[in-house]
N, C-alpha and C. Protein backbone atom coordinates (compact mmCIF):
# COMPACT_ATOMS: atom_id res chain seq x y z
N UNK A 1 19.60 -9.58 -16.85
CA UNK A 1 18.55 -9.12 -15.57
C UNK A 1 18.82 -9.51 -14.48
N UNK A 2 18.65 -8.91 -13.32
CA UNK A 2 18.78 -9.17 -11.85
C UNK A 2 17.46 -9.92 -11.40
N UNK A 3 17.62 -11.08 -10.94
CA UNK A 3 16.38 -11.79 -10.01
C UNK A 3 16.50 -11.40 -8.71
N UNK A 4 15.51 -10.76 -8.05
CA UNK A 4 15.32 -10.55 -6.65
C UNK A 4 14.65 -11.51 -5.99
N UNK A 5 15.01 -12.45 -5.31
CA UNK A 5 14.27 -13.36 -4.64
C UNK A 5 14.13 -13.62 -3.17
N UNK A 6 14.94 -12.59 -2.42
CA UNK A 6 14.97 -12.41 -1.14
C UNK A 6 14.80 -11.10 -0.23
N UNK A 7 14.41 -11.03 0.71
CA UNK A 7 14.43 -9.78 1.64
C UNK A 7 15.55 -9.98 2.62
N UNK A 8 16.12 -8.99 2.69
CA UNK A 8 17.21 -8.77 3.81
C UNK A 8 16.86 -7.64 5.05
N UNK A 9 17.12 -7.80 5.99
CA UNK A 9 17.14 -7.06 7.05
C UNK A 9 18.28 -5.93 7.18
N UNK A 10 19.50 -6.60 6.86
CA UNK A 10 20.60 -5.27 6.53
C UNK A 10 21.39 -5.92 5.51
N UNK A 11 22.38 -5.01 5.19
CA UNK A 11 23.05 -5.21 3.98
C UNK A 11 24.30 -4.20 4.17
N UNK A 12 25.58 -4.72 3.97
CA UNK A 12 26.90 -3.93 3.84
C UNK A 12 26.98 -3.04 2.79
N UNK A 13 26.49 -3.37 1.55
CA UNK A 13 26.32 -2.74 0.64
C UNK A 13 25.19 -2.70 -0.26
N UNK A 14 24.42 -1.52 -0.60
CA UNK A 14 23.59 -1.68 -1.24
C UNK A 14 23.42 -0.68 -2.64
N UNK A 15 23.38 -1.69 -3.76
CA UNK A 15 23.86 -1.38 -4.89
C UNK A 15 23.01 -0.59 -6.23
N UNK A 16 21.69 -0.48 -5.44
CA UNK A 16 20.77 0.38 -6.26
C UNK A 16 19.46 0.56 -5.68
N UNK A 17 18.79 1.46 -6.26
CA UNK A 17 17.26 1.63 -5.50
C UNK A 17 16.32 1.43 -6.75
N UNK A 18 15.08 1.11 -6.02
CA UNK A 18 14.02 0.95 -7.24
C UNK A 18 12.84 1.91 -6.45
N UNK A 19 12.53 2.76 -7.34
CA UNK A 19 11.23 3.67 -6.70
C UNK A 19 9.97 3.10 -7.32
N UNK A 20 9.12 2.53 -6.56
CA UNK A 20 7.88 1.74 -6.93
C UNK A 20 6.84 2.14 -6.41
N UNK A 21 5.75 2.12 -7.04
CA UNK A 21 4.23 2.53 -6.80
C UNK A 21 3.83 1.36 -6.01
N UNK A 22 2.49 1.47 -5.12
CA UNK A 22 2.25 0.70 -4.40
C UNK A 22 1.58 -0.45 -5.24
N UNK A 23 0.77 -0.30 -6.20
CA UNK A 23 0.50 -1.25 -7.27
C UNK A 23 1.51 -2.12 -7.70
N UNK A 24 2.79 -1.64 -7.98
CA UNK A 24 3.78 -2.70 -8.07
C UNK A 24 4.30 -3.48 -6.85
N UNK A 25 4.21 -2.44 -5.62
CA UNK A 25 4.86 -3.19 -4.40
C UNK A 25 3.92 -4.56 -3.72
N UNK A 26 2.66 -4.60 -4.26
CA UNK A 26 1.79 -5.36 -3.64
C UNK A 26 2.04 -6.77 -4.95
N UNK A 27 2.77 -6.79 -5.72
CA UNK A 27 3.06 -8.03 -6.50
C UNK A 27 4.24 -8.64 -6.05
N UNK A 28 4.44 -9.96 -6.15
CA UNK A 28 5.37 -10.83 -5.88
C UNK A 28 6.36 -11.26 -7.30
N UNK A 29 5.62 -11.18 -8.29
CA UNK A 29 6.14 -11.46 -9.46
C UNK A 29 6.03 -10.55 -10.61
N UNK A 30 6.91 -9.62 -10.93
CA UNK A 30 6.69 -8.60 -11.71
C UNK A 30 8.24 -7.90 -12.29
N UNK A 31 8.01 -7.56 -13.42
CA UNK A 31 9.33 -6.94 -13.92
C UNK A 31 9.40 -5.77 -13.54
N UNK A 32 10.54 -5.17 -13.04
CA UNK A 32 10.78 -3.55 -12.62
C UNK A 32 12.06 -2.93 -13.33
N UNK A 33 12.24 -1.62 -13.48
CA UNK A 33 13.17 -0.96 -13.71
C UNK A 33 13.65 -0.41 -12.42
N UNK A 34 15.21 -0.68 -12.31
CA UNK A 34 15.55 -0.07 -11.23
C UNK A 34 15.95 1.42 -11.52
N UNK A 35 16.14 2.47 -10.35
CA UNK A 35 16.47 3.82 -10.84
C UNK A 35 17.55 3.82 -11.56
N UNK A 36 18.44 3.13 -11.65
CA UNK A 36 19.91 3.29 -12.86
C UNK A 36 19.52 3.03 -13.98
N UNK A 37 18.17 2.25 -14.32
CA UNK A 37 17.77 1.92 -15.54
C UNK A 37 18.04 0.26 -16.10
N UNK A 38 18.72 -0.35 -14.91
CA UNK A 38 18.67 -1.63 -15.23
C UNK A 38 17.22 -2.24 -14.89
N UNK A 39 17.19 -3.52 -15.62
CA UNK A 39 15.91 -4.36 -15.41
C UNK A 39 16.17 -5.39 -14.22
N UNK A 40 14.84 -5.62 -13.54
CA UNK A 40 15.18 -6.59 -12.63
C UNK A 40 13.80 -7.51 -12.41
N UNK A 41 13.95 -8.52 -12.05
CA UNK A 41 12.73 -9.11 -11.82
C UNK A 41 12.38 -9.68 -10.52
N UNK A 42 11.11 -9.38 -9.64
CA UNK A 42 10.75 -9.92 -8.37
C UNK A 42 10.16 -11.41 -8.35
N UNK A 43 10.90 -12.18 -7.66
CA UNK A 43 10.22 -13.30 -7.47
C UNK A 43 10.33 -13.67 -6.12
N UNK A 44 9.19 -13.06 -5.10
CA UNK A 44 9.08 -13.29 -3.75
C UNK A 44 8.12 -14.08 -3.48
N UNK A 45 8.41 -14.39 -2.17
CA UNK A 45 7.21 -14.91 -1.45
C UNK A 45 5.66 -14.39 -1.65
N UNK A 46 4.51 -14.91 -2.08
CA UNK A 46 3.50 -14.26 -2.12
C UNK A 46 2.89 -13.61 -1.07
N UNK A 47 1.96 -12.73 -1.06
CA UNK A 47 1.16 -12.09 -0.07
C UNK A 47 2.16 -11.20 0.83
N UNK A 48 2.95 -10.61 0.42
CA UNK A 48 3.77 -9.52 1.40
C UNK A 48 3.94 -8.77 0.62
N UNK A 49 3.49 -7.14 1.12
CA UNK A 49 3.64 -6.25 0.83
C UNK A 49 5.04 -5.75 1.07
N UNK A 50 5.62 -5.06 -0.17
CA UNK A 50 7.11 -4.56 -0.23
C UNK A 50 7.08 -3.22 0.44
N UNK A 51 7.56 -3.04 1.45
CA UNK A 51 7.55 -1.55 2.23
C UNK A 51 8.22 -0.76 1.56
N UNK A 52 8.32 0.55 1.59
CA UNK A 52 9.60 1.77 1.11
C UNK A 52 10.67 1.45 2.26
N UNK A 53 11.95 1.41 1.83
CA UNK A 53 12.99 1.06 2.58
C UNK A 53 13.59 -0.20 2.69
N UNK A 54 12.62 -1.29 2.11
CA UNK A 54 13.05 -2.69 2.34
C UNK A 54 14.20 -2.84 1.61
N UNK A 55 14.93 -3.94 1.88
CA UNK A 55 16.08 -4.25 1.03
C UNK A 55 15.89 -5.83 0.63
N UNK A 56 16.15 -5.66 -0.70
CA UNK A 56 15.87 -7.03 -1.79
C UNK A 56 16.89 -7.64 -2.38
N UNK A 57 17.17 -8.81 -2.46
CA UNK A 57 18.62 -9.29 -2.96
C UNK A 57 18.48 -10.29 -3.69
N UNK A 58 19.35 -10.63 -4.76
CA UNK A 58 19.43 -11.74 -5.63
C UNK A 58 19.58 -13.11 -4.59
N UNK A 59 19.56 -14.12 -5.03
CA UNK A 59 19.76 -15.56 -4.44
C UNK A 59 20.97 -15.58 -3.40
N UNK A 60 22.21 -15.03 -4.15
CA UNK A 60 23.38 -14.99 -3.73
C UNK A 60 23.79 -13.69 -2.70
N UNK A 61 23.04 -12.86 -2.80
CA UNK A 61 22.81 -11.75 -2.08
C UNK A 61 24.25 -10.57 -2.28
N UNK A 62 24.39 -10.90 -3.56
CA UNK A 62 25.27 -10.03 -4.29
C UNK A 62 24.58 -8.77 -4.76
N UNK A 63 23.83 -8.92 -5.18
CA UNK A 63 22.93 -7.64 -5.75
C UNK A 63 21.71 -7.62 -4.72
N UNK A 64 22.14 -6.14 -4.07
CA UNK A 64 21.22 -5.80 -2.92
C UNK A 64 20.51 -4.38 -3.67
N UNK A 65 19.14 -4.19 -3.61
CA UNK A 65 18.38 -3.19 -3.82
C UNK A 65 17.48 -2.38 -2.69
N UNK A 66 17.70 -1.40 -2.71
CA UNK A 66 16.56 -0.49 -1.66
C UNK A 66 15.43 0.01 -2.50
N UNK A 67 14.24 -0.80 -1.93
CA UNK A 67 12.88 -0.20 -2.25
C UNK A 67 12.37 1.28 -1.91
N UNK A 68 12.20 2.08 -2.81
CA UNK A 68 11.45 3.50 -2.37
C UNK A 68 10.14 3.49 -2.82
N UNK A 69 9.52 4.00 -1.94
CA UNK A 69 7.91 4.05 -2.10
C UNK A 69 7.72 5.50 -2.97
N UNK A 70 7.07 5.13 -4.30
CA UNK A 70 6.93 6.13 -5.09
C UNK A 70 5.97 7.31 -4.86
N UNK A 71 6.06 8.58 -5.05
CA UNK A 71 5.02 9.40 -4.98
C UNK A 71 4.09 9.15 -5.74
N UNK A 72 2.71 9.26 -5.24
CA UNK A 72 1.83 8.89 -6.07
C UNK A 72 0.55 9.89 -5.70
N UNK A 73 -0.83 10.03 -6.56
CA UNK A 73 -1.60 10.79 -6.30
C UNK A 73 -2.52 10.11 -5.15
N UNK A 74 -2.62 10.78 -4.03
CA UNK A 74 -3.19 10.31 -2.80
C UNK A 74 -4.09 11.46 -2.23
N UNK A 75 -4.97 10.87 -1.39
CA UNK A 75 -5.97 11.98 -0.61
C UNK A 75 -5.76 11.80 0.68
N UNK A 76 -5.08 12.87 1.28
CA UNK A 76 -4.66 12.89 2.70
C UNK A 76 -5.86 13.87 3.58
N UNK A 77 -6.28 13.32 4.61
CA UNK A 77 -7.32 13.82 5.56
C UNK A 77 -6.54 13.89 6.72
N UNK A 78 -6.47 15.45 7.15
CA UNK A 78 -5.80 15.48 8.53
C UNK A 78 -6.93 16.13 9.39
N UNK A 79 -6.78 16.24 10.70
CA UNK A 79 -7.81 16.49 11.48
C UNK A 79 -7.47 16.61 12.97
N UNK A 80 -7.40 17.70 13.69
CA UNK A 80 -7.17 17.55 15.23
C UNK A 80 -8.12 16.69 15.95
N UNK A 81 -8.84 16.74 15.67
CA UNK A 81 -10.07 15.78 16.42
C UNK A 81 -10.02 14.32 16.18
N UNK A 82 -9.33 13.47 16.85
CA UNK A 82 -9.23 12.02 16.85
C UNK A 82 -10.53 11.14 16.57
N UNK A 83 -11.52 11.57 17.19
CA UNK A 83 -12.97 10.80 17.03
C UNK A 83 -13.34 11.05 15.61
N UNK A 84 -13.24 12.32 14.85
CA UNK A 84 -13.76 12.78 13.65
C UNK A 84 -12.64 11.90 12.59
N UNK A 85 -11.62 11.79 12.98
CA UNK A 85 -10.43 11.17 12.06
C UNK A 85 -10.78 9.34 12.13
N UNK A 86 -11.16 9.05 13.43
CA UNK A 86 -11.25 7.74 13.41
C UNK A 86 -12.45 7.23 12.78
N UNK A 87 -13.74 8.13 12.76
CA UNK A 87 -14.97 8.10 12.05
C UNK A 87 -14.55 7.83 10.47
N UNK A 88 -13.63 8.85 10.09
CA UNK A 88 -13.46 8.76 8.63
C UNK A 88 -12.75 7.36 8.50
N UNK A 89 -11.63 7.05 9.01
CA UNK A 89 -11.01 6.08 8.72
C UNK A 89 -11.86 4.38 8.69
N UNK A 90 -12.93 4.63 9.64
CA UNK A 90 -13.96 3.62 9.77
C UNK A 90 -14.86 3.31 8.44
N UNK A 91 -15.28 4.63 8.20
CA UNK A 91 -16.08 4.61 6.71
C UNK A 91 -15.22 4.14 5.53
N UNK A 92 -14.10 4.60 5.71
CA UNK A 92 -13.10 4.12 4.46
C UNK A 92 -12.93 2.65 4.40
N UNK A 93 -12.73 2.09 5.64
CA UNK A 93 -12.41 1.14 5.58
C UNK A 93 -13.61 -0.04 5.50
N UNK A 94 -14.79 0.50 5.87
CA UNK A 94 -16.01 -0.21 5.53
C UNK A 94 -16.33 -0.21 4.14
N UNK A 95 -15.44 0.43 3.17
CA UNK A 95 -15.29 -0.01 1.69
C UNK A 95 -14.26 -0.40 1.20
N UNK A 96 -13.55 -1.09 2.09
CA UNK A 96 -12.15 -1.77 1.77
C UNK A 96 -11.59 -0.89 1.34
N UNK A 97 -11.16 0.37 1.48
CA UNK A 97 -10.06 1.08 1.07
C UNK A 97 -8.80 0.83 1.80
N UNK A 98 -7.78 0.65 1.36
CA UNK A 98 -6.69 0.40 1.94
C UNK A 98 -5.91 1.81 2.35
N UNK A 99 -5.71 1.78 3.55
CA UNK A 99 -5.58 3.40 4.22
C UNK A 99 -4.11 3.12 5.09
N UNK A 100 -3.34 4.17 4.84
CA UNK A 100 -2.16 4.38 5.68
C UNK A 100 -2.94 5.30 6.57
N UNK A 101 -2.52 4.62 8.03
CA UNK A 101 -3.12 5.29 9.24
C UNK A 101 -1.90 5.87 9.98
N UNK A 102 -1.89 7.06 10.27
CA UNK A 102 -0.80 7.91 11.32
C UNK A 102 -1.57 8.33 12.14
N UNK A 103 -0.86 9.15 13.06
CA UNK A 103 -1.06 9.96 14.43
C UNK A 103 -2.14 10.86 14.08
N UNK A 104 -2.06 11.90 12.95
CA UNK A 104 -2.76 12.87 12.76
C UNK A 104 -3.42 12.88 11.32
N UNK A 105 -3.30 11.71 10.52
CA UNK A 105 -3.69 11.97 9.30
C UNK A 105 -4.18 10.27 8.92
N UNK A 106 -4.99 10.39 7.87
CA UNK A 106 -5.32 8.91 7.16
C UNK A 106 -5.24 9.29 5.52
N UNK A 107 -4.57 8.46 5.10
CA UNK A 107 -4.25 8.72 3.64
C UNK A 107 -4.74 7.52 2.73
N UNK A 108 -5.51 7.52 1.67
CA UNK A 108 -5.61 6.58 0.68
C UNK A 108 -5.57 7.06 -0.81
N UNK A 109 -5.44 6.05 -1.72
CA UNK A 109 -5.24 6.37 -3.26
C UNK A 109 -6.54 7.07 -3.46
N UNK A 110 -6.20 8.56 -4.09
CA UNK A 110 -7.02 9.27 -4.76
C UNK A 110 -8.22 8.78 -5.23
N UNK A 111 -9.29 9.55 -4.77
CA UNK A 111 -10.91 9.07 -5.28
C UNK A 111 -11.74 9.99 -5.09
N UNK A 112 -12.11 10.46 -6.14
CA UNK A 112 -12.99 11.99 -5.79
C UNK A 112 -14.18 11.59 -5.07
N UNK A 113 -14.78 10.22 -5.29
CA UNK A 113 -15.99 9.82 -4.73
C UNK A 113 -15.86 9.85 -3.10
N UNK A 114 -14.81 9.20 -2.80
CA UNK A 114 -14.15 8.97 -1.59
C UNK A 114 -13.99 10.17 -0.87
N UNK A 115 -13.39 11.05 -1.45
CA UNK A 115 -13.08 12.36 -1.18
C UNK A 115 -14.23 13.28 -0.73
N UNK A 116 -15.23 13.15 -1.59
CA UNK A 116 -16.75 13.71 -1.15
C UNK A 116 -17.48 13.31 0.18
N UNK A 117 -17.10 12.13 0.08
CA UNK A 117 -17.80 11.39 1.21
C UNK A 117 -16.90 11.90 2.38
N UNK A 118 -15.78 11.82 2.50
CA UNK A 118 -14.98 12.52 3.65
C UNK A 118 -15.29 13.99 4.07
N UNK A 119 -15.53 14.79 2.77
CA UNK A 119 -15.72 16.09 3.23
C UNK A 119 -17.30 16.33 3.73
N UNK A 120 -18.18 15.31 3.23
CA UNK A 120 -19.53 15.15 3.95
C UNK A 120 -19.39 14.96 5.40
N UNK A 121 -18.44 14.45 5.90
CA UNK A 121 -18.24 14.30 7.62
C UNK A 121 -17.70 15.52 8.08
N UNK A 122 -17.69 16.49 7.22
CA UNK A 122 -17.03 18.10 7.64
C UNK A 122 -15.52 17.93 7.65
N UNK A 123 -14.82 17.06 7.07
CA UNK A 123 -13.10 17.15 7.07
C UNK A 123 -12.52 17.63 5.87
N UNK A 124 -11.42 17.90 5.87
CA UNK A 124 -10.79 18.47 4.68
C UNK A 124 -9.91 17.39 4.14
N UNK A 125 -9.94 17.46 2.98
CA UNK A 125 -9.12 16.45 1.85
C UNK A 125 -8.01 17.15 1.11
N UNK A 126 -6.96 16.57 1.30
CA UNK A 126 -5.87 17.38 0.36
C UNK A 126 -5.42 16.46 -0.40
N UNK A 127 -5.69 16.64 -1.83
CA UNK A 127 -4.94 15.90 -2.84
C UNK A 127 -3.69 16.20 -3.17
N UNK A 128 -2.63 15.31 -3.22
CA UNK A 128 -1.47 15.49 -2.95
C UNK A 128 -0.46 14.25 -3.53
N UNK A 129 0.80 14.62 -4.00
CA UNK A 129 1.83 13.49 -4.36
C UNK A 129 2.43 13.13 -3.34
N UNK A 130 2.41 11.77 -2.74
CA UNK A 130 3.26 11.42 -1.47
C UNK A 130 3.45 9.99 -1.82
N UNK A 131 4.47 9.46 -0.86
CA UNK A 131 4.48 7.82 -0.86
C UNK A 131 3.27 7.37 -0.32
N UNK A 132 2.43 6.10 -0.58
CA UNK A 132 1.56 5.62 0.12
C UNK A 132 1.97 4.49 0.51
N UNK A 133 2.01 4.11 1.95
CA UNK A 133 2.40 3.07 2.86
C UNK A 133 1.27 2.67 3.49
N UNK A 134 0.16 1.75 3.02
CA UNK A 134 -1.26 1.50 3.93
C UNK A 134 -0.85 0.50 4.65
N UNK A 135 -1.74 0.32 5.71
CA UNK A 135 -1.92 -0.82 6.73
C UNK A 135 -1.63 -1.91 6.04
N UNK A 136 -0.73 -2.90 6.26
CA UNK A 136 -0.66 -4.11 5.63
C UNK A 136 -1.59 -5.12 5.62
N UNK A 137 -2.76 -4.98 6.40
CA UNK A 137 -3.66 -6.05 6.75
C UNK A 137 -3.89 -6.92 5.54
N UNK A 138 -4.58 -6.45 4.43
CA UNK A 138 -5.21 -7.12 3.49
C UNK A 138 -3.73 -7.58 2.63
N UNK A 139 -2.75 -6.95 2.73
CA UNK A 139 -1.76 -7.49 1.97
C UNK A 139 -0.71 -8.45 2.38
N UNK A 140 -1.05 -8.95 3.77
CA UNK A 140 0.14 -9.85 4.42
C UNK A 140 -0.56 -11.19 4.78
N UNK A 141 -1.71 -11.60 3.94
CA UNK A 141 -2.07 -12.80 3.91
C UNK A 141 -2.66 -13.16 2.66
N UNK A 142 -3.83 -14.19 2.63
CA UNK A 142 -4.39 -14.45 1.12
C UNK A 142 -4.99 -13.36 0.83
N UNK A 143 -5.40 -13.21 -0.46
CA UNK A 143 -6.47 -12.27 -0.86
C UNK A 143 -7.58 -12.25 -0.05
N UNK A 144 -8.28 -11.11 0.05
CA UNK A 144 -9.52 -11.05 0.72
C UNK A 144 -10.72 -11.90 -0.08
N UNK A 145 -11.28 -12.72 0.42
CA UNK A 145 -12.13 -13.65 -0.57
C UNK A 145 -13.50 -13.88 0.11
N UNK A 146 -13.95 -13.44 1.22
CA UNK A 146 -15.14 -13.66 1.88
C UNK A 146 -16.27 -13.13 0.98
N UNK A 147 -17.66 -13.34 1.14
CA UNK A 147 -18.63 -12.55 0.69
C UNK A 147 -19.48 -12.57 1.63
N UNK A 148 -20.24 -11.33 1.63
CA UNK A 148 -21.20 -11.29 2.79
C UNK A 148 -22.44 -12.40 2.72
N UNK A 149 -22.47 -12.97 1.43
CA UNK A 149 -23.49 -13.78 1.07
C UNK A 149 -22.67 -15.40 1.98
N UNK A 150 -21.54 -15.31 2.61
CA UNK A 150 -21.28 -16.35 3.41
C UNK A 150 -21.70 -16.54 4.47
N UNK A 151 -22.40 -15.42 5.10
CA UNK A 151 -22.73 -15.13 6.24
C UNK A 151 -24.43 -15.43 6.00
N UNK A 152 -25.23 -16.22 6.41
CA UNK A 152 -26.67 -16.62 6.17
C UNK A 152 -27.65 -15.78 6.70
N UNK A 153 -26.93 -14.98 7.84
CA UNK A 153 -28.06 -14.17 8.43
C UNK A 153 -27.76 -12.58 8.26
N UNK A 154 -26.64 -12.28 7.40
CA UNK A 154 -26.24 -10.96 7.37
C UNK A 154 -26.35 -10.83 5.81
N UNK A 155 -27.20 -9.68 5.66
CA UNK A 155 -27.37 -9.10 4.50
C UNK A 155 -27.14 -7.75 4.21
N UNK A 156 -26.20 -7.42 3.40
CA UNK A 156 -25.80 -5.58 3.72
C UNK A 156 -26.35 -5.32 2.31
N UNK A 157 -27.35 -4.64 2.03
CA UNK A 157 -27.90 -3.99 0.85
C UNK A 157 -26.87 -3.15 0.14
N UNK A 158 -26.99 -3.37 -1.18
CA UNK A 158 -25.88 -2.51 -1.77
C UNK A 158 -24.52 -2.55 -1.66
N UNK A 159 -24.05 -3.74 -0.83
CA UNK A 159 -22.57 -3.86 -0.45
C UNK A 159 -22.15 -4.99 -1.27
N UNK A 160 -21.53 -5.01 -2.33
CA UNK A 160 -21.20 -5.97 -3.15
C UNK A 160 -19.59 -5.88 -3.02
N UNK A 161 -18.92 -7.15 -3.08
CA UNK A 161 -17.61 -7.48 -3.63
C UNK A 161 -17.12 -7.47 -4.80
């Protein structure tokens, strides 16, 4: 089994690819199957999201693989009105939903309840298969661990972590 322990900015030769879902790309220690069927293990620095297109290598740099973001079921909200799109992103973010934010759309892992909320703002939601590359915020540091109860003067009814 190949043990992938480092990230590379570039490589002269890429020996394989691994198509991984977001749920796998947020893990630093996990067994994966390369697209050619070989087994590999990830042993990377914790707290770093693996992006589609990123290069990973073994300790010697001999085995290099390119990670591809797997298409997965997502909800995509497109809108020509930047204010309406920003409003949807605000409400989704307020629910701690990982978001992919682009110039003309926001995308999140499909959830029919969230879809209904966004439609309630007058926006259209397309459920589709697409690679999901959310903003790294929550994935680039220690896991989100604060509680609204940590703030003695702030109480958010019905909002739990």
